[in-house]
C-alpha atoms as a PDB file:
ATOM      1  CA  MET A   1       0.378 330.456 116.178  1.00  0.00           C
ATOM      2  CA  ALA A   2       1.357 329.480 112.553  1.00  0.00           C
ATOM      3  CA  ASN A   3       3.327 333.007 112.376  1.00  0.00           C
ATOM      4  CA  GLN A   4       5.287 331.979 115.523  1.00  0.00           C
ATOM      5  CA  ASN A   5       6.098 328.729 113.973  1.00  0.00           C
ATOM      6  CA  ASP A   6       7.245 330.293 110.697  1.00  0.00           C
ATOM      7  CA  ARG A   7       9.669 332.661 112.699  1.00  0.00           C
ATOM      8  CA  ASN A   8      10.940 329.827 114.770  1.00  0.00           C
ATOM      9  CA  ASP A   9      11.677 327.882 111.283  1.00  0.00           C
ATOM     10  CA  GLN A  10      13.413 330.855 109.887  1.00  0.00           C
ATOM     11  CA  LYS A  11      15.382 331.423 112.896  1.00  0.00           C
ATOM     12  CA  ASP A  12      16.697 327.866 112.843  1.00  0.00           C
ATOM     13  CA  LEU A  13      17.263 328.000 109.026  1.00  0.00           C
ATOM     14  CA  ASN A  14      19.168 330.994 109.842  1.00  0.00           C
ATOM     15  CA  GLU A  15      21.272 329.641 112.515  1.00  0.00           C
ATOM     16  CA  GLN A  16      21.756 326.418 110.433  1.00  0.00           C
ATOM     17  CA  GLY A  17      23.085 328.423 107.592  1.00  0.00           C
ATOM     18  CA  MET A  18      25.451 330.085 109.736  1.00  0.00           C
ATOM     19  CA  GLU A  19      26.845 326.941 111.190  1.00  0.00           C
ATOM     20  CA  ASP A  20      27.125 325.265 107.637  1.00  0.00           C
ATOM     21  CA  SER A  21      28.804 328.460 106.301  1.00  0.00           C
ATOM     22  CA  LEU A  22      31.706 328.230 109.326  1.00  0.00           C
ATOM     23  CA  ARG A  23      32.018 324.691 108.753  1.00  0.00           C
ATOM     24  CA  GLY A  24      32.395 325.090 105.064  1.00  0.00           C
ATOM     25  CA  LYS A  25      35.146 327.846 105.483  1.00  0.00           C
ATOM     26  CA  ALA A  26      36.836 325.627 107.977  1.00  0.00           C
ATOM     27  CA  GLU A  27      36.898 322.634 105.509  1.00  0.00           C
ATOM     28  CA  ASN A  28      37.962 324.923 102.705  1.00  0.00           C
ATOM     29  CA  MET A  29      40.960 325.997 104.982  1.00  0.00           C
ATOM     30  CA  LYS A  30      41.731 322.179 105.792  1.00  0.00           C
ATOM     31  CA  GLY A  31      41.987 321.544 102.148  1.00  0.00           C
ATOM     32  CA  ARG A  32      44.221 324.643 101.364  1.00  0.00           C
ATOM     33  CA  LEU A  33      46.493 323.400 104.142  1.00  0.00           C
ATOM     34  CA  LYS A  34      46.349 319.423 102.618  1.00  0.00           C
ATOM     35  CA  ASP A  35      46.960 321.091  99.134  1.00  0.00           C
ATOM     36  CA  ALA A  36      49.989 323.075  99.916  1.00  0.00           C
ATOM     37  CA  ALA A  37      51.614 320.210 102.343  1.00  0.00           C
ATOM     38  CA  GLY A  38      50.957 317.872  99.395  1.00  0.00           C
ATOM     39  CA  GLY A  39      52.613 320.310  96.948  1.00  0.00           C
ATOM     40  CA  LEU A  40      55.718 320.817  99.543  1.00  0.00           C
ATOM     41  CA  THR A  41      56.212 317.065 100.065  1.00  0.00           C
ATOM     42  CA  GLY A  42      55.333 315.788  96.606  1.00  0.00           C
ATOM     43  CA  ASP A  43      52.231 313.921  97.758  1.00  0.00           C
ATOM     44  CA  ALA A  44      50.114 313.737  94.678  1.00  0.00           C
ATOM     45  CA  SER A  45      47.198 312.075  96.734  1.00  0.00           C
ATOM     46  CA  MET A  46      47.451 314.603  99.588  1.00  0.00           C
ATOM     47  CA  GLN A  47      47.271 317.372  97.302  1.00  0.00           C
ATOM     48  CA  ALA A  48      44.160 315.871  95.612  1.00  0.00           C
ATOM     49  CA  GLU A  49      42.316 315.142  98.733  1.00  0.00           C
ATOM     50  CA  GLY A  50      43.091 318.830  99.583  1.00  0.00           C
ATOM     51  CA  LYS A  51      41.654 319.959  96.466  1.00  0.00           C
ATOM     52  CA  TRP A  52      38.528 317.986  97.175  1.00  0.00           C
ATOM     53  CA  ASP A  53      37.987 319.032 100.770  1.00  0.00           C
ATOM     54  CA  GLN A  54      38.208 322.714  99.345  1.00  0.00           C
ATOM     55  CA  ALA A  55      35.618 322.079  96.871  1.00  0.00           C
ATOM     56  CA  LYS A  56      33.356 320.466  99.451  1.00  0.00           C
ATOM     57  CA  GLY A  57      34.017 323.452 101.989  1.00  0.00           C
ATOM     58  CA  LYS A  58      33.203 326.107  99.417  1.00  0.00           C
ATOM     59  CA  LEU A  59      29.969 324.159  98.585  1.00  0.00           C
ATOM     60  CA  ARG A  60      29.118 323.909 102.136  1.00  0.00           C
ATOM     61  CA  ASP A  61      29.727 327.362 102.597  1.00  0.00           C
ATOM     62  CA  LYS A  62      27.438 328.686  99.721  1.00  0.00           C
ATOM     63  CA  LEU A  63      24.666 326.375 100.971  1.00  0.00           C
ATOM     64  CA  GLY A  64      25.174 328.037 104.312  1.00  0.00           C
ATOM     65  CA  LYS A  65      24.887 331.813 102.769  1.00  0.00           C
ATOM     66  CA  ALA A  66      21.554 330.360 100.742  1.00  0.00           C
ATOM     67  CA  GLU A  67      19.921 328.927 104.053  1.00  0.00           C
ATOM     68  CA  GLN A  68      20.800 332.297 105.841  1.00  0.00           C
ATOM     69  CA  ASP A  69      19.090 334.211 102.852  1.00  0.00           C
ATOM     70  CA  LEU A  70      16.002 332.000 103.227  1.00  0.00           C
ATOM     71  CA  GLY A  71      15.957 332.238 107.154  1.00  0.00           C
ATOM     72  CA  SER A  72      16.312 335.997 107.081  1.00  0.00           C
ATOM     73  CA  ASP A  73      13.150 336.480 105.064  1.00  0.00           C
END
């Protein structure tokens, strides 16, 4: 029974990783758009917010990929 639970935990971790990776990519894209819009309009605050969103998105994407790696073992 323990092996079945381990497989379910790995599957859940893999699925969670895919979800986190996708969310990270979306947040990164949102940040890129904000950064570009801020640059075009001269809004330094929006540009900084965009850069912050990009950084958070990249981190979440990497976390998701790590979770996927752990879940696939």
